[in-house]
PDB file of N, CA and C in Angstrom:
ATOM      1  N   MET A   1     127.801  97.007 103.735  1.00  0.00           N
ATOM      2  CA  MET A   1     127.569  97.490 102.352  1.00  0.00           C
ATOM      3  C   MET A   1     126.547  96.624 101.659  1.00  0.00           C
ATOM      4  N   GLY A   2     126.469  95.331 102.040  1.00  0.00           N
ATOM      5  CA  GLY A   2     125.577  94.437 101.396  1.00  0.00           C
ATOM      6  C   GLY A   2     124.134  94.893 101.401  1.00  0.00           C
ATOM      7  N   TYR A   3     123.734  95.495 102.539  1.00  0.00           N
ATOM      8  CA  TYR A   3     122.347  95.895 102.624  1.00  0.00           C
ATOM      9  C   TYR A   3     121.987  97.132 101.811  1.00  0.00           C
ATOM     10  N   TRP A   4     122.995  97.930 101.557  1.00  0.00           N
ATOM     11  CA  TRP A   4     122.814  99.085 100.617  1.00  0.00           C
ATOM     12  C   TRP A   4     122.569  98.528  99.227  1.00  0.00           C
ATOM     13  N   TYR A   5     123.360  97.528  98.777  1.00  0.00           N
ATOM     14  CA  TYR A   5     123.144  96.918  97.507  1.00  0.00           C
ATOM     15  C   TYR A   5     121.769  96.195  97.452  1.00  0.00           C
ATOM     16  N   LEU A   6     121.376  95.658  98.599  1.00  0.00           N
ATOM     17  CA  LEU A   6     120.035  95.004  98.650  1.00  0.00           C
ATOM     18  C   LEU A   6     118.949  96.013  98.381  1.00  0.00           C
ATOM     19  N   ALA A   7     119.068  97.138  99.033  1.00  0.00           N
ATOM     20  CA  ALA A   7     118.083  98.257  98.850  1.00  0.00           C
ATOM     21  C   ALA A   7     118.069  98.676  97.402  1.00  0.00           C
ATOM     22  N   ILE A   8     119.197  98.770  96.757  1.00  0.00           N
ATOM     23  CA  ILE A   8     119.309  99.116  95.327  1.00  0.00           C
ATOM     24  C   ILE A   8     118.616  98.036  94.498  1.00  0.00           C
ATOM     25  N   ALA A   9     118.875  96.768  94.817  1.00  0.00           N
ATOM     26  CA  ALA A   9     118.321  95.655  94.075  1.00  0.00           C
ATOM     27  C   ALA A   9     116.765  95.664  94.227  1.00  0.00           C
ATOM     28  N   ILE A  10     116.262  95.917  95.398  1.00  0.00           N
ATOM     29  CA  ILE A  10     114.845  95.963  95.586  1.00  0.00           C
ATOM     30  C   ILE A  10     114.231  97.112  94.811  1.00  0.00           C
ATOM     31  N   GLY A  11     114.834  98.270  94.903  1.00  0.00           N
ATOM     32  CA  GLY A  11     114.327  99.460  94.203  1.00  0.00           C
ATOM     33  C   GLY A  11     114.339  99.245  92.655  1.00  0.00           C
ATOM     34  N   ALA A  12     115.388  98.677  92.142  1.00  0.00           N
ATOM     35  CA  ALA A  12     115.500  98.409  90.715  1.00  0.00           C
ATOM     36  C   ALA A  12     114.494  97.376  90.293  1.00  0.00           C
ATOM     37  N   GLU A  13     114.284  96.345  91.110  1.00  0.00           N
ATOM     38  CA  GLU A  13     113.282  95.334  90.743  1.00  0.00           C
ATOM     39  C   GLU A  13     111.882  95.940  90.742  1.00  0.00           C
ATOM     40  N   VAL A  14     111.541  96.791  91.661  1.00  0.00           N
ATOM     41  CA  VAL A  14     110.240  97.388  91.745  1.00  0.00           C
ATOM     42  C   VAL A  14     110.004  98.240  90.499  1.00  0.00           C
ATOM     43  N   VAL A  15     110.995  99.054  90.128  1.00  0.00           N
ATOM     44  CA  VAL A  15     110.868  99.917  88.961  1.00  0.00           C
ATOM     45  C   VAL A  15     110.727  99.021  87.679  1.00  0.00           C
ATOM     46  N   ALA A  16     111.601  98.030  87.607  1.00  0.00           N
ATOM     47  CA  ALA A  16     111.533  97.099  86.438  1.00  0.00           C
ATOM     48  C   ALA A  16     110.180  96.426  86.294  1.00  0.00           C
ATOM     49  N   THR A  17     109.605  95.918  87.396  1.00  0.00           N
ATOM     50  CA  THR A  17     108.343  95.223  87.368  1.00  0.00           C
ATOM     51  C   THR A  17     107.178  96.134  86.983  1.00  0.00           C
ATOM     52  N   LEU A  18     107.222  97.378  87.501  1.00  0.00           N
ATOM     53  CA  LEU A  18     106.231  98.370  87.176  1.00  0.00           C
ATOM     54  C   LEU A  18     106.318  98.743  85.644  1.00  0.00           C
ATOM     55  N   ALA A  19     107.569  98.804  85.193  1.00  0.00           N
ATOM     56  CA  ALA A  19     107.753  99.114  83.757  1.00  0.00           C
ATOM     57  C   ALA A  19     107.325  97.932  82.930  1.00  0.00           C
ATOM     58  N   LEU A  20     107.505  96.705  83.445  1.00  0.00           N
ATOM     59  CA  LEU A  20     107.075  95.558  82.656  1.00  0.00           C
ATOM     60  C   LEU A  20     105.547  95.595  82.427  1.00  0.00           C
ATOM     61  N   LYS A  21     104.779  95.982  83.479  1.00  0.00           N
ATOM     62  CA  LYS A  21     103.380  96.202  83.325  1.00  0.00           C
ATOM     63  C   LYS A  21     103.070  97.248  82.299  1.00  0.00           C
ATOM     64  N   ALA A  22     103.809  98.379  82.394  1.00  0.00           N
ATOM     65  CA  ALA A  22     103.517  99.478  81.493  1.00  0.00           C
ATOM     66  C   ALA A  22     104.004  99.204  80.051  1.00  0.00           C
ATOM     67  N   SER A  23     104.901  98.200  79.863  1.00  0.00           N
ATOM     68  CA  SER A  23     105.378  97.919  78.554  1.00  0.00           C
ATOM     69  C   SER A  23     104.367  97.298  77.638  1.00  0.00           C
ATOM     70  N   ASN A  24     103.268  96.782  78.268  1.00  0.00           N
ATOM     71  CA  ASN A  24     102.181  96.180  77.482  1.00  0.00           C
ATOM     72  C   ASN A  24     102.662  95.072  76.578  1.00  0.00           C
ATOM     73  N   GLY A  25     103.353  94.082  77.216  1.00  0.00           N
ATOM     74  CA  GLY A  25     103.855  92.977  76.440  1.00  0.00           C
ATOM     75  C   GLY A  25     105.099  93.387  75.572  1.00  0.00           C
ATOM     76  N   PHE A  26     105.933  94.279  76.090  1.00  0.00           N
ATOM     77  CA  PHE A  26     107.044  94.792  75.357  1.00  0.00           C
ATOM     78  C   PHE A  26     106.742  95.484  74.060  1.00  0.00           C
ATOM     79  N   SER A  27     105.511  96.004  73.991  1.00  0.00           N
ATOM     80  CA  SER A  27     105.130  96.800  72.750  1.00  0.00           C
ATOM     81  C   SER A  27     105.422  98.283  72.941  1.00  0.00           C
ATOM     82  N   ASP A  28     105.650  98.763  74.128  1.00  0.00           N
ATOM     83  CA  ASP A  28     106.051 100.130  74.402  1.00  0.00           C
ATOM     84  C   ASP A  28     107.581 100.140  74.614  1.00  0.00           C
ATOM     85  N   PHE A  29     108.289 100.879  73.717  1.00  0.00           N
ATOM     86  CA  PHE A  29     109.746 100.813  73.682  1.00  0.00           C
ATOM     87  C   PHE A  29     110.362 101.334  74.948  1.00  0.00           C
ATOM     88  N   THR A  30     109.904 102.540  75.400  1.00  0.00           N
ATOM     89  CA  THR A  30     110.491 103.194  76.563  1.00  0.00           C
ATOM     90  C   THR A  30     110.355 102.324  77.819  1.00  0.00           C
ATOM     91  N   SER A  31     109.161 101.887  78.032  1.00  0.00           N
ATOM     92  CA  SER A  31     108.867 101.008  79.204  1.00  0.00           C
ATOM     93  C   SER A  31     109.733  99.703  79.158  1.00  0.00           C
ATOM     94  N   SER A  32     109.840  99.151  77.960  1.00  0.00           N
ATOM     95  CA  SER A  32     110.568  97.894  77.759  1.00  0.00           C
ATOM     96  C   SER A  32     112.058  98.134  78.115  1.00  0.00           C
ATOM     97  N   ILE A  33     112.615  99.272  77.684  1.00  0.00           N
ATOM     98  CA  ILE A  33     114.043  99.566  78.000  1.00  0.00           C
ATOM     99  C   ILE A  33     114.225  99.769  79.454  1.00  0.00           C
ATOM    100  N   ILE A  34     113.330 100.531  80.133  1.00  0.00           N
ATOM    101  CA  ILE A  34     113.414 100.703  81.557  1.00  0.00           C
ATOM    102  C   ILE A  34     113.331  99.358  82.286  1.00  0.00           C
ATOM    103  N   CYS A  35     112.462  98.468  81.826  1.00  0.00           N
ATOM    104  CA  CYS A  35     112.313  97.113  82.414  1.00  0.00           C
ATOM    105  C   CYS A  35     113.615  96.357  82.358  1.00  0.00           C
ATOM    106  N   ILE A  36     114.187  96.274  81.150  1.00  0.00           N
ATOM    107  CA  ILE A  36     115.458  95.487  80.928  1.00  0.00           C
ATOM    108  C   ILE A  36     116.586  96.077  81.777  1.00  0.00           C
ATOM    109  N   ILE A  37     116.745  97.395  81.752  1.00  0.00           N
ATOM    110  CA  ILE A  37     117.831  98.044  82.535  1.00  0.00           C
ATOM    111  C   ILE A  37     117.566  97.823  84.042  1.00  0.00           C
ATOM    112  N   GLY A  38     116.300  97.973  84.450  1.00  0.00           N
ATOM    113  CA  GLY A  38     116.011  97.800  85.891  1.00  0.00           C
ATOM    114  C   GLY A  38     116.336  96.426  86.374  1.00  0.00           C
ATOM    115  N   TYR A  39     115.940  95.378  85.589  1.00  0.00           N
ATOM    116  CA  TYR A  39     116.275  94.033  85.981  1.00  0.00           C
ATOM    117  C   TYR A  39     117.775  93.728  85.971  1.00  0.00           C
ATOM    118  N   ALA A  40     118.511  94.360  85.006  1.00  0.00           N
ATOM    119  CA  ALA A  40     119.913  94.167  84.962  1.00  0.00           C
ATOM    120  C   ALA A  40     120.609  94.770  86.216  1.00  0.00           C
ATOM    121  N   ILE A  41     120.147  95.948  86.583  1.00  0.00           N
ATOM    122  CA  ILE A  41     120.643  96.583  87.837  1.00  0.00           C
ATOM    123  C   ILE A  41     120.298  95.771  89.056  1.00  0.00           C
ATOM    124  N   ALA A  42     119.032  95.249  89.103  1.00  0.00           N
ATOM    125  CA  ALA A  42     118.578  94.484  90.282  1.00  0.00           C
ATOM    126  C   ALA A  42     119.456  93.219  90.409  1.00  0.00           C
ATOM    127  N   PHE A  43     119.646  92.500  89.308  1.00  0.00           N
ATOM    128  CA  PHE A  43     120.418  91.248  89.450  1.00  0.00           C
ATOM    129  C   PHE A  43     121.888  91.487  89.706  1.00  0.00           C
ATOM    130  N   TYR A  44     122.445  92.567  89.121  1.00  0.00           N
ATOM    131  CA  TYR A  44     123.829  92.903  89.418  1.00  0.00           C
ATOM    132  C   TYR A  44     123.993  93.259  90.882  1.00  0.00           C
ATOM    133  N   SER A  45     123.089  94.105  91.384  1.00  0.00           N
ATOM    134  CA  SER A  45     123.174  94.483  92.777  1.00  0.00           C
ATOM    135  C   SER A  45     122.980  93.332  93.690  1.00  0.00           C
ATOM    136  N   LEU A  46     122.054  92.423  93.352  1.00  0.00           N
ATOM    137  CA  LEU A  46     121.833  91.196  94.109  1.00  0.00           C
ATOM    138  C   LEU A  46     123.061  90.320  94.192  1.00  0.00           C
ATOM    139  N   SER A  47     123.829  90.299  93.038  1.00  0.00           N
ATOM    140  CA  SER A  47     125.042  89.481  93.017  1.00  0.00           C
ATOM    141  C   SER A  47     126.073  90.067  94.001  1.00  0.00           C
ATOM    142  N   LEU A  48     126.089  91.375  94.134  1.00  0.00           N
ATOM    143  CA  LEU A  48     127.019  91.966  95.078  1.00  0.00           C
ATOM    144  C   LEU A  48     126.572  91.777  96.535  1.00  0.00           C
ATOM    145  N   VAL A  49     125.283  91.731  96.720  1.00  0.00           N
ATOM    146  CA  VAL A  49     124.743  91.412  98.063  1.00  0.00           C
ATOM    147  C   VAL A  49     125.211  90.056  98.529  1.00  0.00           C
ATOM    148  N   LEU A  50     125.181  89.091  97.626  1.00  0.00           N
ATOM    149  CA  LEU A  50     125.480  87.744  97.938  1.00  0.00           C
ATOM    150  C   LEU A  50     126.962  87.471  98.374  1.00  0.00           C
ATOM    151  N   LYS A  51     127.783  88.465  98.203  1.00  0.00           N
ATOM    152  CA  LYS A  51     129.155  88.378  98.662  1.00  0.00           C
ATOM    153  C   LYS A  51     129.226  88.416 100.206  1.00  0.00           C
ATOM    154  N   THR A  52     128.268  89.071 100.812  1.00  0.00           N
ATOM    155  CA  THR A  52     128.284  89.265 102.272  1.00  0.00           C
ATOM    156  C   THR A  52     127.075  88.803 103.000  1.00  0.00           C
ATOM    157  N   VAL A  53     125.916  88.587 102.356  1.00  0.00           N
ATOM    158  CA  VAL A  53     124.686  88.175 102.975  1.00  0.00           C
ATOM    159  C   VAL A  53     124.357  86.790 102.497  1.00  0.00           C
ATOM    160  N   PRO A  54     123.931  85.885 103.370  1.00  0.00           N
ATOM    161  CA  PRO A  54     123.570  84.523 102.978  1.00  0.00           C
ATOM    162  C   PRO A  54     122.424  84.627 101.926  1.00  0.00           C
ATOM    163  N   VAL A  55     122.504  83.700 100.953  1.00  0.00           N
ATOM    164  CA  VAL A  55     121.589  83.748  99.837  1.00  0.00           C
ATOM    165  C   VAL A  55     120.123  83.606 100.249  1.00  0.00           C
ATOM    166  N   GLY A  56     119.849  82.735 101.197  1.00  0.00           N
ATOM    167  CA  GLY A  56     118.492  82.596 101.659  1.00  0.00           C
ATOM    168  C   GLY A  56     117.873  83.794 102.320  1.00  0.00           C
ATOM    169  N   ILE A  57     118.699  84.472 103.088  1.00  0.00           N
ATOM    170  CA  ILE A  57     118.281  85.687 103.781  1.00  0.00           C
ATOM    171  C   ILE A  57     118.096  86.785 102.766  1.00  0.00           C
ATOM    172  N   ALA A  58     119.086  86.995 101.895  1.00  0.00           N
ATOM    173  CA  ALA A  58     119.004  88.070 100.877  1.00  0.00           C
ATOM    174  C   ALA A  58     117.785  87.885  99.979  1.00  0.00           C
ATOM    175  N   TYR A  59     117.542  86.631  99.523  1.00  0.00           N
ATOM    176  CA  TYR A  59     116.416  86.404  98.672  1.00  0.00           C
ATOM    177  C   TYR A  59     115.075  86.589  99.370  1.00  0.00           C
ATOM    178  N   ALA A  60     115.001  86.164 100.570  1.00  0.00           N
ATOM    179  CA  ALA A  60     113.769  86.367 101.370  1.00  0.00           C
ATOM    180  C   ALA A  60     113.446  87.818 101.509  1.00  0.00           C
ATOM    181  N   ILE A  61     114.405  88.647 101.822  1.00  0.00           N
ATOM    182  CA  ILE A  61     114.217  90.084 101.993  1.00  0.00           C
ATOM    183  C   ILE A  61     113.866  90.723 100.651  1.00  0.00           C
ATOM    184  N   TRP A  62     114.602  90.378  99.604  1.00  0.00           N
ATOM    185  CA  TRP A  62     114.472  90.942  98.250  1.00  0.00           C
ATOM    186  C   TRP A  62     113.057  90.654  97.728  1.00  0.00           C
ATOM    187  N   ALA A  63     112.685  89.346  97.830  1.00  0.00           N
ATOM    188  CA  ALA A  63     111.386  88.949  97.265  1.00  0.00           C
ATOM    189  C   ALA A  63     110.240  89.496  98.089  1.00  0.00           C
ATOM    190  N   GLY A  64     110.383  89.434  99.448  1.00  0.00           N
ATOM    191  CA  GLY A  64     109.330  89.886 100.306  1.00  0.00           C
ATOM    192  C   GLY A  64     109.079  91.420 100.154  1.00  0.00           C
ATOM    193  N   MET A  65     110.111  92.172 100.197  1.00  0.00           N
ATOM    194  CA  MET A  65     109.904  93.639 100.059  1.00  0.00           C
ATOM    195  C   MET A  65     109.446  94.009  98.664  1.00  0.00           C
ATOM    196  N   GLY A  66     109.940  93.279  97.664  1.00  0.00           N
ATOM    197  CA  GLY A  66     109.528  93.531  96.283  1.00  0.00           C
ATOM    198  C   GLY A  66     107.995  93.314  96.140  1.00  0.00           C
ATOM    199  N   ILE A  67     107.484  92.199  96.723  1.00  0.00           N
ATOM    200  CA  ILE A  67     106.087  91.890  96.643  1.00  0.00           C
ATOM    201  C   ILE A  67     105.242  93.010  97.312  1.00  0.00           C
ATOM    202  N   ILE A  68     105.645  93.415  98.475  1.00  0.00           N
ATOM    203  CA  ILE A  68     104.897  94.450  99.236  1.00  0.00           C
ATOM    204  C   ILE A  68     104.905  95.791  98.505  1.00  0.00           C
ATOM    205  N   LEU A  69     106.086  96.168  98.050  1.00  0.00           N
ATOM    206  CA  LEU A  69     106.218  97.483  97.354  1.00  0.00           C
ATOM    207  C   LEU A  69     105.479  97.503  96.020  1.00  0.00           C
ATOM    208  N   ILE A  70     105.588  96.402  95.204  1.00  0.00           N
ATOM    209  CA  ILE A  70     104.932  96.388  93.934  1.00  0.00           C
ATOM    210  C   ILE A  70     103.445  96.335  94.115  1.00  0.00           C
ATOM    211  N   ALA A  71     102.943  95.554  95.082  1.00  0.00           N
ATOM    212  CA  ALA A  71     101.537  95.505  95.330  1.00  0.00           C
ATOM    213  C   ALA A  71     100.984  96.864  95.793  1.00  0.00           C
ATOM    214  N   SER A  72     101.743  97.522  96.613  1.00  0.00           N
ATOM    215  CA  SER A  72     101.284  98.819  97.162  1.00  0.00           C
ATOM    216  C   SER A  72     101.285  99.882  96.075  1.00  0.00           C
ATOM    217  N   ILE A  73     102.338  99.965  95.309  1.00  0.00           N
ATOM    218  CA  ILE A  73     102.389 100.944  94.212  1.00  0.00           C
ATOM    219  C   ILE A  73     101.459 100.618  93.120  1.00  0.00           C
ATOM    220  N   SER A  74     101.225  99.354  92.769  1.00  0.00           N
ATOM    221  CA  SER A  74     100.260  99.069  91.665  1.00  0.00           C
ATOM    222  C   SER A  74      98.840  99.310  92.136  1.00  0.00           C
ATOM    223  N   ALA A  75      98.582  99.315  93.429  1.00  0.00           N
ATOM    224  CA  ALA A  75      97.257  99.636  93.967  1.00  0.00           C
ATOM    225  C   ALA A  75      96.961 101.097  93.592  1.00  0.00           C
ATOM    226  N   VAL A  76      97.967 101.952  93.723  1.00  0.00           N
ATOM    227  CA  VAL A  76      97.823 103.379  93.444  1.00  0.00           C
ATOM    228  C   VAL A  76      97.872 103.691  91.915  1.00  0.00           C
ATOM    229  N   LEU A  77      98.874 103.130  91.261  1.00  0.00           N
ATOM    230  CA  LEU A  77      99.045 103.473  89.805  1.00  0.00           C
ATOM    231  C   LEU A  77      98.029 102.767  88.916  1.00  0.00           C
ATOM    232  N   TYR A  78      97.754 101.514  89.194  1.00  0.00           N
ATOM    233  CA  TYR A  78      96.887 100.715  88.292  1.00  0.00           C
ATOM    234  C   TYR A  78      95.526 100.372  88.900  1.00  0.00           C
ATOM    235  N   LYS A  79      95.274 100.843  90.073  1.00  0.00           N
ATOM    236  CA  LYS A  79      94.001 100.594  90.741  1.00  0.00           C
ATOM    237  C   LYS A  79      93.712  99.113  90.961  1.00  0.00           C
ATOM    238  N   GLN A  80      94.848  98.384  91.142  1.00  0.00           N
ATOM    239  CA  GLN A  80      94.771  96.959  91.446  1.00  0.00           C
ATOM    240  C   GLN A  80      94.801  96.742  92.952  1.00  0.00           C
ATOM    241  N   ILE A  81      93.620  96.930  93.580  1.00  0.00           N
ATOM    242  CA  ILE A  81      93.491  96.904  95.014  1.00  0.00           C
ATOM    243  C   ILE A  81      93.518  95.408  95.492  1.00  0.00           C
ATOM    244  N   PRO A  82      94.443  95.037  96.385  1.00  0.00           N
ATOM    245  CA  PRO A  82      94.443  93.691  96.898  1.00  0.00           C
ATOM    246  C   PRO A  82      93.258  93.504  97.859  1.00  0.00           C
ATOM    247  N   ASP A  83      92.689  92.276  97.835  1.00  0.00           N
ATOM    248  CA  ASP A  83      91.627  91.951  98.766  1.00  0.00           C
ATOM    249  C   ASP A  83      92.189  91.613 100.124  1.00  0.00           C
ATOM    250  N   LEU A  84      91.314  91.327 101.099  1.00  0.00           N
ATOM    251  CA  LEU A  84      91.757  91.107 102.488  1.00  0.00           C
ATOM    252  C   LEU A  84      92.753  89.969 102.615  1.00  0.00           C
ATOM    253  N   PRO A  85      92.462  88.814 102.007  1.00  0.00           N
ATOM    254  CA  PRO A  85      93.474  87.686 102.138  1.00  0.00           C
ATOM    255  C   PRO A  85      94.846  88.103 101.553  1.00  0.00           C
ATOM    256  N   ALA A  86      94.925  88.874 100.469  1.00  0.00           N
ATOM    257  CA  ALA A  86      96.158  89.318  99.929  1.00  0.00           C
ATOM    258  C   ALA A  86      96.864  90.242 100.903  1.00  0.00           C
ATOM    259  N   ILE A  87      96.109  91.173 101.480  1.00  0.00           N
ATOM    260  CA  ILE A  87      96.710  92.105 102.494  1.00  0.00           C
ATOM    261  C   ILE A  87      97.237  91.351 103.649  1.00  0.00           C
ATOM    262  N   ILE A  88      96.491  90.378 104.197  1.00  0.00           N
ATOM    263  CA  ILE A  88      96.942  89.538 105.288  1.00  0.00           C
ATOM    264  C   ILE A  88      98.220  88.817 104.927  1.00  0.00           C
ATOM    265  N   GLY A  89      98.288  88.273 103.733  1.00  0.00           N
ATOM    266  CA  GLY A  89      99.462  87.573 103.274  1.00  0.00           C
ATOM    267  C   GLY A  89     100.666  88.469 103.220  1.00  0.00           C
ATOM    268  N   MET A  90     100.493  89.707 102.742  1.00  0.00           N
ATOM    269  CA  MET A  90     101.603  90.650 102.640  1.00  0.00           C
ATOM    270  C   MET A  90     102.013  91.094 104.022  1.00  0.00           C
ATOM    271  N   VAL A  91     101.117  91.223 104.993  1.00  0.00           N
ATOM    272  CA  VAL A  91     101.489  91.573 106.341  1.00  0.00           C
ATOM    273  C   VAL A  91     102.323  90.442 106.924  1.00  0.00           C
ATOM    274  N   LEU A  92     101.964  89.200 106.645  1.00  0.00           N
ATOM    275  CA  LEU A  92     102.776  88.062 107.109  1.00  0.00           C
ATOM    276  C   LEU A  92     104.169  88.046 106.475  1.00  0.00           C
ATOM    277  N   ILE A  93     104.270  88.418 105.209  1.00  0.00           N
ATOM    278  CA  ILE A  93     105.522  88.483 104.523  1.00  0.00           C
ATOM    279  C   ILE A  93     106.382  89.527 105.219  1.00  0.00           C
ATOM    280  N   LEU A  94     105.790  90.743 105.457  1.00  0.00           N
ATOM    281  CA  LEU A  94     106.512  91.797 106.138  1.00  0.00           C
ATOM    282  C   LEU A  94     106.999  91.337 107.511  1.00  0.00           C
ATOM    283  N   ALA A  95     106.143  90.640 108.253  1.00  0.00           N
ATOM    284  CA  ALA A  95     106.463  90.134 109.567  1.00  0.00           C
ATOM    285  C   ALA A  95     107.690  89.129 109.475  1.00  0.00           C
ATOM    286  N   GLY A  96     107.675  88.349 108.433  1.00  0.00           N
ATOM    287  CA  GLY A  96     108.788  87.455 108.207  1.00  0.00           C
ATOM    288  C   GLY A  96     110.079  88.160 107.923  1.00  0.00           C
ATOM    289  N   VAL A  97     110.089  89.203 107.180  1.00  0.00           N
ATOM    290  CA  VAL A  97     111.255  90.019 106.940  1.00  0.00           C
ATOM    291  C   VAL A  97     111.739  90.651 108.234  1.00  0.00           C
ATOM    292  N   VAL A  98     110.848  91.166 109.023  1.00  0.00           N
ATOM    293  CA  VAL A  98     111.215  91.754 110.320  1.00  0.00           C
ATOM    294  C   VAL A  98     111.808  90.670 111.268  1.00  0.00           C
ATOM    295  N   VAL A  99     111.186  89.518 111.304  1.00  0.00           N
ATOM    296  CA  VAL A  99     111.708  88.441 112.208  1.00  0.00           C
ATOM    297  C   VAL A  99     113.117  88.063 111.742  1.00  0.00           C
ATOM    298  N   ILE A 100     113.320  87.906 110.446  1.00  0.00           N
ATOM    299  CA  ILE A 100     114.650  87.568 109.949  1.00  0.00           C
ATOM    300  C   ILE A 100     115.730  88.596 110.349  1.00  0.00           C
ATOM    301  N   ASN A 101     115.360  89.877 110.128  1.00  0.00           N
ATOM    302  CA  ASN A 101     116.317  90.950 110.438  1.00  0.00           C
ATOM    303  C   ASN A 101     116.569  91.177 111.914  1.00  0.00           C
ATOM    304  N   VAL A 102     115.571  90.959 112.744  1.00  0.00           N
ATOM    305  CA  VAL A 102     115.717  91.252 114.164  1.00  0.00           C
ATOM    306  C   VAL A 102     116.183  90.022 114.936  1.00  0.00           C
ATOM    307  N   PHE A 103     115.748  88.865 114.636  1.00  0.00           N
ATOM    308  CA  PHE A 103     116.012  87.716 115.451  1.00  0.00           C
ATOM    309  C   PHE A 103     116.974  86.683 114.917  1.00  0.00           C
ATOM    310  N   SER A 104     117.177  86.637 113.582  1.00  0.00           N
ATOM    311  CA  SER A 104     117.979  85.649 112.994  1.00  0.00           C
ATOM    312  C   SER A 104     119.494  85.859 113.327  1.00  0.00           C
ATOM    313  N   LYS A 105     120.215  84.813 113.715  1.00  0.00           N
ATOM    314  CA  LYS A 105     121.591  84.895 113.930  1.00  0.00           C
ATOM    315  C   LYS A 105     122.362  84.754 112.622  1.00  0.00           C
ATOM    316  N   THR A 106     121.676  84.418 111.505  1.00  0.00           N
ATOM    317  CA  THR A 106     122.264  84.275 110.268  1.00  0.00           C
ATOM    318  C   THR A 106     122.599  85.576 109.634  1.00  0.00           C
ATOM    319  N   VAL A 107     121.773  86.601 109.973  1.00  0.00           N
ATOM    320  CA  VAL A 107     121.934  87.934 109.408  1.00  0.00           C
ATOM    321  C   VAL A 107     123.106  88.651 110.095  1.00  0.00           C
ATOM    322  N   SER A 108     124.027  89.178 109.298  1.00  0.00           N
ATOM    323  CA  SER A 108     125.128  89.901 109.884  1.00  0.00           C
ATOM    324  C   SER A 108     124.934  91.357 109.564  1.00  0.00           C
ATOM    325  N   HIS A 109     124.858  92.250 110.600  1.00  0.00           N
ATOM    326  CA  HIS A 109     124.575  93.648 110.399  1.00  0.00           C
ATOM    327  C   HIS A 109     125.828  94.471 110.490  1.00  0.00           C
TER     328      HIS A 109
END
């Protein structure tokens, strides 16, 4: 069940961070509310994840997938296209998440 909560935490963080950008410094009310609610859901879900998944593993997956998803979506929505070094870095992050999930004995599936 922990990984379902982790997926919810990642999704909520992505929505919240994109809303943070759209809030224009918290000057847009609707985007600001979405941001606050999204982060609340993300952190609550992450707290549930930590009942069953080691904190280092959960945080690595949460942060890594958040970075990749936010960068990918913002490339489409905001035309913030990452350069080659940024893309290479994100590929390495994704590889790290895969290595953790496939090879680590710390991860319980």
